[in-house]
Each structure stands twice: as structure tokens, then as C-alpha cells.
Amino acid sequence: MKIPRPHTSPHPPCLPTLITNFLGQKTGMPKEYHNGLRRLSPDFVITRYPNTAQVVPHELYDEEIATERIEIAEKVIEWASKELKK
């Protein structure tokens, strides 16, 4: 028995779409966070599957990029923490 997918495309959705749709839309997260989630999505893939980067993953980041990603993640975590307390 084939289980139908929730999207209409014959191809599986890309990870940025999954993360943005699930966290961004399904949880009611404000749209101001959606771009940040899209920025973090490739980082998830690279940390989960380091060979996808085809370089040593830490070489992809400098202090500016790392600081930006940390700030985005902190904002998302702060929002999620507030939501969990409701």
C-alpha cells in the first residue's frame, strides 16, 4: 500500500521547504522568522551529512557567518521557548 504524500509534487520536498513549512507555518511562527529558517536549512544538511559539502564543513564558515547563524538560531529558540510556556 502506497501512502500518499501531503504535497502535490511527485518529488520529495527539499529540506528548506520542510523546515520552513513545518516550523514556520504549522506552528504559527511569525513570518519574520521564515527567512532565518531558510538560512539555517543548508547548515542542518551539512552538519547532518558532512560529505554533502565536499569540503571540511568548518571551512565554509567564518566569524561573520557563524555569528549570523547563531543569532538566527537564538531568535528561533527564544520564540519556541515562549510558545512552549503558553
PDB file of N, CA and C in Angstrom:
ATOM      1  N   MET A   1       0.843  -1.173   0.000  1.00  0.00           N
ATOM      2  CA  MET A   1       0.000   0.000   0.000  1.00  0.00           C
ATOM      3  C   MET A   1       0.891   1.239   0.000  1.00  0.00           C
ATOM      4  N   LYS A   2       0.647   2.146  -0.927  1.00  0.00           N
ATOM      5  CA  LYS A   2       1.428   3.366  -1.023  1.00  0.00           C
ATOM      6  C   LYS A   2       0.728   4.472  -0.239  1.00  0.00           C
ATOM      7  N   ILE A   3       1.476   5.110   0.680  1.00  0.00           N
ATOM      8  CA  ILE A   3       0.917   6.189   1.487  1.00  0.00           C
ATOM      9  C   ILE A   3       1.056   7.493   0.702  1.00  0.00           C
ATOM     10  N   PRO A   4      -0.028   8.218   0.511  1.00  0.00           N
ATOM     11  CA  PRO A   4       0.057   9.468  -0.252  1.00  0.00           C
ATOM     12  C   PRO A   4       0.865  10.522   0.494  1.00  0.00           C
ATOM     13  N   ARG A   5       1.585  11.304  -0.258  1.00  0.00           N
ATOM     14  CA  ARG A   5       2.363  12.400   0.319  1.00  0.00           C
ATOM     15  C   ARG A   5       1.458  13.621   0.495  1.00  0.00           C
ATOM     16  N   PRO A   6       1.772  14.472   1.489  1.00  0.00           N
ATOM     17  CA  PRO A   6       0.923  15.633   1.723  1.00  0.00           C
ATOM     18  C   PRO A   6       1.111  16.759   0.709  1.00  0.00           C
ATOM     19  N   HIS A   7       2.128  16.673  -0.161  1.00  0.00           N
ATOM     20  CA  HIS A   7       2.341  17.714  -1.168  1.00  0.00           C
ATOM     21  C   HIS A   7       1.976  17.159  -2.542  1.00  0.00           C
ATOM     22  N   THR A   8       1.833  18.016  -3.527  1.00  0.00           N
ATOM     23  CA  THR A   8       1.350  17.585  -4.828  1.00  0.00           C
ATOM     24  C   THR A   8       2.452  17.202  -5.797  1.00  0.00           C
ATOM     25  N   SER A   9       3.682  17.576  -5.541  1.00  0.00           N
ATOM     26  CA  SER A   9       4.788  17.263  -6.436  1.00  0.00           C
ATOM     27  C   SER A   9       5.128  15.780  -6.351  1.00  0.00           C
ATOM     28  N   PRO A  10       5.548  15.164  -7.491  1.00  0.00           N
ATOM     29  CA  PRO A  10       5.961  13.762  -7.434  1.00  0.00           C
ATOM     30  C   PRO A  10       7.319  13.589  -6.756  1.00  0.00           C
ATOM     31  N   HIS A  11       8.017  14.700  -6.527  1.00  0.00           N
ATOM     32  CA  HIS A  11       9.337  14.661  -5.890  1.00  0.00           C
ATOM     33  C   HIS A  11       9.207  15.033  -4.421  1.00  0.00           C
ATOM     34  N   PRO A  12      10.062  14.438  -3.570  1.00  0.00           N
ATOM     35  CA  PRO A  12      10.000  14.821  -2.155  1.00  0.00           C
ATOM     36  C   PRO A  12      10.387  16.283  -1.995  1.00  0.00           C
ATOM     37  N   PRO A  13       9.802  16.978  -1.015  1.00  0.00           N
ATOM     38  CA  PRO A  13      10.135  18.391  -0.830  1.00  0.00           C
ATOM     39  C   PRO A  13      11.570  18.543  -0.344  1.00  0.00           C
ATOM     40  N   CYS A  14      12.191  19.649  -0.708  1.00  0.00           N
ATOM     41  CA  CYS A  14      13.557  19.880  -0.257  1.00  0.00           C
ATOM     42  C   CYS A  14      13.517  20.255   1.220  1.00  0.00           C
ATOM     43  N   LEU A  15      14.631  20.063   1.894  1.00  0.00           N
ATOM     44  CA  LEU A  15      14.687  20.297   3.327  1.00  0.00           C
ATOM     45  C   LEU A  15      14.317  21.720   3.719  1.00  0.00           C
ATOM     46  N   PRO A  16      14.796  22.756   3.014  1.00  0.00           N
ATOM     47  CA  PRO A  16      14.377  24.099   3.417  1.00  0.00           C
ATOM     48  C   PRO A  16      12.861  24.260   3.406  1.00  0.00           C
ATOM     49  N   THR A  17      12.209  23.636   2.445  1.00  0.00           N
ATOM     50  CA  THR A  17      10.748  23.703   2.385  1.00  0.00           C
ATOM     51  C   THR A  17      10.142  22.984   3.579  1.00  0.00           C
ATOM     52  N   LEU A  18      10.664  21.818   3.923  1.00  0.00           N
ATOM     53  CA  LEU A  18      10.132  21.073   5.062  1.00  0.00           C
ATOM     54  C   LEU A  18      10.278  21.864   6.348  1.00  0.00           C
ATOM     55  N   ILE A  19      11.464  22.410   6.577  1.00  0.00           N
ATOM     56  CA  ILE A  19      11.698  23.144   7.816  1.00  0.00           C
ATOM     57  C   ILE A  19      10.839  24.398   7.869  1.00  0.00           C
ATOM     58  N   THR A  20      10.815  25.144   6.778  1.00  0.00           N
ATOM     59  CA  THR A  20      10.028  26.367   6.761  1.00  0.00           C
ATOM     60  C   THR A  20       8.542  26.054   6.909  1.00  0.00           C
ATOM     61  N   ASN A  21       8.065  25.045   6.188  1.00  0.00           N
ATOM     62  CA  ASN A  21       6.648  24.696   6.280  1.00  0.00           C
ATOM     63  C   ASN A  21       6.280  24.193   7.664  1.00  0.00           C
ATOM     64  N   PHE A  22       7.091  23.297   8.196  1.00  0.00           N
ATOM     65  CA  PHE A  22       6.735  22.720   9.494  1.00  0.00           C
ATOM     66  C   PHE A  22       6.876  23.747  10.605  1.00  0.00           C
ATOM     67  N   LEU A  23       8.075  24.283  10.774  1.00  0.00           N
ATOM     68  CA  LEU A  23       8.275  25.230  11.862  1.00  0.00           C
ATOM     69  C   LEU A  23       7.580  26.557  11.602  1.00  0.00           C
ATOM     70  N   GLY A  24       7.701  27.015  10.360  1.00  0.00           N
ATOM     71  CA  GLY A  24       7.177  28.330  10.057  1.00  0.00           C
ATOM     72  C   GLY A  24       5.675  28.404   9.967  1.00  0.00           C
ATOM     73  N   GLN A  25       5.052  27.450   9.322  1.00  0.00           N
ATOM     74  CA  GLN A  25       3.622  27.540   9.072  1.00  0.00           C
ATOM     75  C   GLN A  25       2.799  26.691  10.023  1.00  0.00           C
ATOM     76  N   LYS A  26       3.205  25.475  10.252  1.00  0.00           N
ATOM     77  CA  LYS A  26       2.403  24.563  11.067  1.00  0.00           C
ATOM     78  C   LYS A  26       2.366  24.970  12.533  1.00  0.00           C
ATOM     79  N   THR A  27       3.395  25.659  13.001  1.00  0.00           N
ATOM     80  CA  THR A  27       3.434  26.050  14.407  1.00  0.00           C
ATOM     81  C   THR A  27       2.921  27.461  14.634  1.00  0.00           C
ATOM     82  N   GLY A  28       2.614  28.180  13.554  1.00  0.00           N
ATOM     83  CA  GLY A  28       2.148  29.550  13.699  1.00  0.00           C
ATOM     84  C   GLY A  28       3.267  30.539  13.943  1.00  0.00           C
ATOM     85  N   MET A  29       4.488  30.149  13.636  1.00  0.00           N
ATOM     86  CA  MET A  29       5.629  31.047  13.819  1.00  0.00           C
ATOM     87  C   MET A  29       5.442  32.288  12.946  1.00  0.00           C
ATOM     88  N   PRO A  30       5.714  33.469  13.488  1.00  0.00           N
ATOM     89  CA  PRO A  30       5.586  34.690  12.690  1.00  0.00           C
ATOM     90  C   PRO A  30       6.465  34.648  11.434  1.00  0.00           C
ATOM     91  N   LYS A  31       5.961  35.223  10.369  1.00  0.00           N
ATOM     92  CA  LYS A  31       6.678  35.187   9.086  1.00  0.00           C
ATOM     93  C   LYS A  31       8.061  35.818   9.149  1.00  0.00           C
ATOM     94  N   GLU A  32       8.291  36.704  10.097  1.00  0.00           N
ATOM     95  CA  GLU A  32       9.605  37.343  10.205  1.00  0.00           C
ATOM     96  C   GLU A  32      10.724  36.322  10.468  1.00  0.00           C
ATOM     97  N   TYR A  33      10.387  35.138  10.936  1.00  0.00           N
ATOM     98  CA  TYR A  33      11.374  34.100  11.211  1.00  0.00           C
ATOM     99  C   TYR A  33      11.627  33.190  10.005  1.00  0.00           C
ATOM    100  N   HIS A  34      10.755  33.200   9.021  1.00  0.00           N
ATOM    101  CA  HIS A  34      10.841  32.250   7.909  1.00  0.00           C
ATOM    102  C   HIS A  34      12.139  32.379   7.119  1.00  0.00           C
ATOM    103  N   ASN A  35      12.587  33.594   6.829  1.00  0.00           N
ATOM    104  CA  ASN A  35      13.851  33.750   6.097  1.00  0.00           C
ATOM    105  C   ASN A  35      15.018  33.188   6.888  1.00  0.00           C
ATOM    106  N   GLY A  36      15.003  33.398   8.193  1.00  0.00           N
ATOM    107  CA  GLY A  36      16.052  32.843   9.038  1.00  0.00           C
ATOM    108  C   GLY A  36      16.077  31.327   8.987  1.00  0.00           C
ATOM    109  N   LEU A  37      14.885  30.712   8.999  1.00  0.00           N
ATOM    110  CA  LEU A  37      14.814  29.254   8.906  1.00  0.00           C
ATOM    111  C   LEU A  37      15.400  28.764   7.588  1.00  0.00           C
ATOM    112  N   ARG A  38      15.108  29.491   6.509  1.00  0.00           N
ATOM    113  CA  ARG A  38      15.669  29.105   5.211  1.00  0.00           C
ATOM    114  C   ARG A  38      17.189  29.246   5.212  1.00  0.00           C
ATOM    115  N   ARG A  39      17.712  30.217   5.943  1.00  0.00           N
ATOM    116  CA  ARG A  39      19.163  30.388   6.027  1.00  0.00           C
ATOM    117  C   ARG A  39      19.818  29.231   6.809  1.00  0.00           C
ATOM    118  N   LEU A  40      19.106  28.721   7.798  1.00  0.00           N
ATOM    119  CA  LEU A  40      19.651  27.641   8.628  1.00  0.00           C
ATOM    120  C   LEU A  40      19.530  26.261   7.982  1.00  0.00           C
ATOM    121  N   SER A  41      18.612  26.087   7.069  1.00  0.00           N
ATOM    122  CA  SER A  41      18.358  24.767   6.487  1.00  0.00           C
ATOM    123  C   SER A  41      19.591  24.117   5.864  1.00  0.00           C
ATOM    124  N   PRO A  42      20.362  24.807   5.026  1.00  0.00           N
ATOM    125  CA  PRO A  42      21.556  24.160   4.461  1.00  0.00           C
ATOM    126  C   PRO A  42      22.562  23.765   5.541  1.00  0.00           C
ATOM    127  N   ASP A  43      22.626  24.546   6.603  1.00  0.00           N
ATOM    128  CA  ASP A  43      23.545  24.219   7.692  1.00  0.00           C
ATOM    129  C   ASP A  43      23.138  22.914   8.357  1.00  0.00           C
ATOM    130  N   PHE A  44      21.841  22.681   8.469  1.00  0.00           N
ATOM    131  CA  PHE A  44      21.364  21.411   9.016  1.00  0.00           C
ATOM    132  C   PHE A  44      21.846  20.247   8.158  1.00  0.00           C
ATOM    133  N   VAL A  45      21.699  20.367   6.847  1.00  0.00           N
ATOM    134  CA  VAL A  45      22.097  19.293   5.942  1.00  0.00           C
ATOM    135  C   VAL A  45      23.600  19.037   6.057  1.00  0.00           C
ATOM    136  N   ILE A  46      24.382  20.096   6.058  1.00  0.00           N
ATOM    137  CA  ILE A  46      25.843  19.959   6.110  1.00  0.00           C
ATOM    138  C   ILE A  46      26.290  19.328   7.426  1.00  0.00           C
ATOM    139  N   THR A  47      25.659  19.700   8.537  1.00  0.00           N
ATOM    140  CA  THR A  47      26.063  19.103   9.809  1.00  0.00           C
ATOM    141  C   THR A  47      25.572  17.672   9.947  1.00  0.00           C
ATOM    142  N   ARG A  48      24.441  17.385   9.349  1.00  0.00           N
ATOM    143  CA  ARG A  48      23.891  16.020   9.407  1.00  0.00           C
ATOM    144  C   ARG A  48      24.619  15.082   8.447  1.00  0.00           C
ATOM    145  N   TYR A  49      24.964  15.605   7.263  1.00  0.00           N
ATOM    146  CA  TYR A  49      25.627  14.820   6.225  1.00  0.00           C
ATOM    147  C   TYR A  49      26.851  15.594   5.736  1.00  0.00           C
ATOM    148  N   PRO A  50      27.952  15.564   6.481  1.00  0.00           N
ATOM    149  CA  PRO A  50      29.121  16.397   6.159  1.00  0.00           C
ATOM    150  C   PRO A  50      29.698  16.172   4.764  1.00  0.00           C
ATOM    151  N   ASN A  51      29.548  15.004   4.201  1.00  0.00           N
ATOM    152  CA  ASN A  51      30.098  14.750   2.866  1.00  0.00           C
ATOM    153  C   ASN A  51      29.386  15.533   1.775  1.00  0.00           C
ATOM    154  N   THR A  52      28.189  16.030   2.049  1.00  0.00           N
ATOM    155  CA  THR A  52      27.467  16.803   1.037  1.00  0.00           C
ATOM    156  C   THR A  52      28.169  18.111   0.717  1.00  0.00           C
ATOM    157  N   ALA A  53      28.950  18.624   1.650  1.00  0.00           N
ATOM    158  CA  ALA A  53      29.640  19.901   1.435  1.00  0.00           C
ATOM    159  C   ALA A  53      30.834  19.746   0.501  1.00  0.00           C
ATOM    160  N   GLN A  54      31.366  18.568   0.380  1.00  0.00           N
ATOM    161  CA  GLN A  54      32.541  18.253  -0.436  1.00  0.00           C
ATOM    162  C   GLN A  54      33.776  19.041  -0.018  1.00  0.00           C
ATOM    163  N   VAL A  55      33.724  19.621   1.170  1.00  0.00           N
ATOM    164  CA  VAL A  55      34.874  20.239   1.831  1.00  0.00           C
ATOM    165  C   VAL A  55      34.691  19.977   3.316  1.00  0.00           C
ATOM    166  N   VAL A  56      35.714  20.264   4.085  1.00  0.00           N
ATOM    167  CA  VAL A  56      35.563  20.140   5.529  1.00  0.00           C
ATOM    168  C   VAL A  56      34.571  21.227   5.948  1.00  0.00           C
ATOM    169  N   PRO A  57      33.433  20.842   6.564  1.00  0.00           N
ATOM    170  CA  PRO A  57      32.378  21.818   6.823  1.00  0.00           C
ATOM    171  C   PRO A  57      32.819  23.104   7.522  1.00  0.00           C
ATOM    172  N   HIS A  58      33.775  23.022   8.436  1.00  0.00           N
ATOM    173  CA  HIS A  58      34.164  24.249   9.139  1.00  0.00           C
ATOM    174  C   HIS A  58      34.824  25.262   8.206  1.00  0.00           C
ATOM    175  N   GLU A  59      35.281  24.822   7.048  1.00  0.00           N
ATOM    176  CA  GLU A  59      35.895  25.743   6.095  1.00  0.00           C
ATOM    177  C   GLU A  59      34.853  26.610   5.382  1.00  0.00           C
ATOM    178  N   LEU A  60      33.581  26.264   5.498  1.00  0.00           N
ATOM    179  CA  LEU A  60      32.513  27.031   4.861  1.00  0.00           C
ATOM    180  C   LEU A  60      32.111  28.266   5.668  1.00  0.00           C
ATOM    181  N   TYR A  61      32.587  28.354   6.895  1.00  0.00           N
ATOM    182  CA  TYR A  61      32.132  29.399   7.802  1.00  0.00           C
ATOM    183  C   TYR A  61      33.281  30.284   8.256  1.00  0.00           C
ATOM    184  N   ASP A  62      32.966  31.558   8.399  1.00  0.00           N
ATOM    185  CA  ASP A  62      33.888  32.468   9.047  1.00  0.00           C
ATOM    186  C   ASP A  62      33.139  33.054  10.244  1.00  0.00           C
ATOM    187  N   GLU A  63      33.757  33.969  10.956  1.00  0.00           N
ATOM    188  CA  GLU A  63      33.133  34.505  12.162  1.00  0.00           C
ATOM    189  C   GLU A  63      31.817  35.234  11.858  1.00  0.00           C
ATOM    190  N   GLU A  64      31.774  35.954  10.756  1.00  0.00           N
ATOM    191  CA  GLU A  64      30.566  36.701  10.397  1.00  0.00           C
ATOM    192  C   GLU A  64      29.397  35.761  10.119  1.00  0.00           C
ATOM    193  N   ILE A  65      29.642  34.719   9.336  1.00  0.00           N
ATOM    194  CA  ILE A  65      28.582  33.751   9.006  1.00  0.00           C
ATOM    195  C   ILE A  65      28.129  33.015  10.263  1.00  0.00           C
ATOM    196  N   ALA A  66      29.092  32.578  11.070  1.00  0.00           N
ATOM    197  CA  ALA A  66      28.756  31.852  12.295  1.00  0.00           C
ATOM    198  C   ALA A  66      27.930  32.716  13.240  1.00  0.00           C
ATOM    199  N   THR A  67      28.313  33.978  13.387  1.00  0.00           N
ATOM    200  CA  THR A  67      27.583  34.890  14.265  1.00  0.00           C
ATOM    201  C   THR A  67      26.154  35.087  13.766  1.00  0.00           C
ATOM    202  N   GLU A  68      25.996  35.259  12.460  1.00  0.00           N
ATOM    203  CA  GLU A  68      24.654  35.432  11.887  1.00  0.00           C
ATOM    204  C   GLU A  68      23.786  34.205  12.167  1.00  0.00           C
ATOM    205  N   ARG A  69      24.324  33.009  11.936  1.00  0.00           N
ATOM    206  CA  ARG A  69      23.548  31.780  12.142  1.00  0.00           C
ATOM    207  C   ARG A  69      23.177  31.598  13.613  1.00  0.00           C
ATOM    208  N   ILE A  70      24.095  31.930  14.501  1.00  0.00           N
ATOM    209  CA  ILE A  70      23.819  31.819  15.940  1.00  0.00           C
ATOM    210  C   ILE A  70      22.706  32.774  16.335  1.00  0.00           C
ATOM    211  N   GLU A  71      22.749  34.000  15.819  1.00  0.00           N
ATOM    212  CA  GLU A  71      21.708  34.982  16.130  1.00  0.00           C
ATOM    213  C   GLU A  71      20.342  34.506  15.642  1.00  0.00           C
ATOM    214  N   ILE A  72      20.299  33.944  14.444  1.00  0.00           N
ATOM    215  CA  ILE A  72      19.037  33.419  13.918  1.00  0.00           C
ATOM    216  C   ILE A  72      18.522  32.296  14.815  1.00  0.00           C
ATOM    217  N   ALA A  73      19.401  31.353  15.137  1.00  0.00           N
ATOM    218  CA  ALA A  73      19.004  30.211  15.961  1.00  0.00           C
ATOM    219  C   ALA A  73      18.519  30.666  17.336  1.00  0.00           C
ATOM    220  N   GLU A  74      19.208  31.643  17.923  1.00  0.00           N
ATOM    221  CA  GLU A  74      18.790  32.135  19.241  1.00  0.00           C
ATOM    222  C   GLU A  74      17.400  32.750  19.184  1.00  0.00           C
ATOM    223  N   LYS A  75      17.089  33.497  18.117  1.00  0.00           N
ATOM    224  CA  LYS A  75      15.764  34.097  17.978  1.00  0.00           C
ATOM    225  C   LYS A  75      14.685  33.025  17.846  1.00  0.00           C
ATOM    226  N   VAL A  76      14.979  31.987  17.057  1.00  0.00           N
ATOM    227  CA  VAL A  76      14.021  30.896  16.882  1.00  0.00           C
ATOM    228  C   VAL A  76      13.808  30.160  18.199  1.00  0.00           C
ATOM    229  N   ILE A  77      14.881  29.886  18.913  1.00  0.00           N
ATOM    230  CA  ILE A  77      14.787  29.191  20.202  1.00  0.00           C
ATOM    231  C   ILE A  77      14.017  30.032  21.208  1.00  0.00           C
ATOM    232  N   GLU A  78      14.275  31.339  21.218  1.00  0.00           N
ATOM    233  CA  GLU A  78      13.559  32.231  22.129  1.00  0.00           C
ATOM    234  C   GLU A  78      12.059  32.211  21.835  1.00  0.00           C
ATOM    235  N   TRP A  79      11.701  32.277  20.552  1.00  0.00           N
ATOM    236  CA  TRP A  79      10.284  32.227  20.180  1.00  0.00           C
ATOM    237  C   TRP A  79       9.664  30.900  20.611  1.00  0.00           C
ATOM    238  N   ALA A  80      10.360  29.789  20.317  1.00  0.00           N
ATOM    239  CA  ALA A  80       9.831  28.462  20.644  1.00  0.00           C
ATOM    240  C   ALA A  80       9.675  28.300  22.160  1.00  0.00           C
ATOM    241  N   SER A  81      10.630  28.795  22.910  1.00  0.00           N
ATOM    242  CA  SER A  81      10.543  28.699  24.387  1.00  0.00           C
ATOM    243  C   SER A  81       9.313  29.429  24.903  1.00  0.00           C
ATOM    244  N   LYS A  82       9.058  30.622  24.357  1.00  0.00           N
ATOM    245  CA  LYS A  82       7.866  31.381  24.783  1.00  0.00           C
ATOM    246  C   LYS A  82       6.588  30.619  24.424  1.00  0.00           C
ATOM    247  N   GLU A  83       6.573  30.013  23.243  1.00  0.00           N
ATOM    248  CA  GLU A  83       5.389  29.267  22.823  1.00  0.00           C
ATOM    249  C   GLU A  83       5.144  28.052  23.702  1.00  0.00           C
ATOM    250  N   LEU A  84       6.201  27.395  24.128  1.00  0.00           N
ATOM    251  CA  LEU A  84       6.056  26.198  24.960  1.00  0.00           C
ATOM    252  C   LEU A  84       5.535  26.538  26.358  1.00  0.00           C
ATOM    253  N   LYS A  85       5.779  27.766  26.801  1.00  0.00           N
ATOM    254  CA  LYS A  85       5.318  28.177  28.126  1.00  0.00           C
ATOM    255  C   LYS A  85       3.844  28.576  28.144  1.00  0.00           C
ATOM    256  N   LYS A  86       3.259  28.743  26.969  1.00  0.00           N
ATOM    257  CA  LYS A  86       1.845  29.148  26.903  1.00  0.00           C
ATOM    258  C   LYS A  86       0.931  28.020  27.331  1.00  0.00           C
TER     259      LYS A  86
END
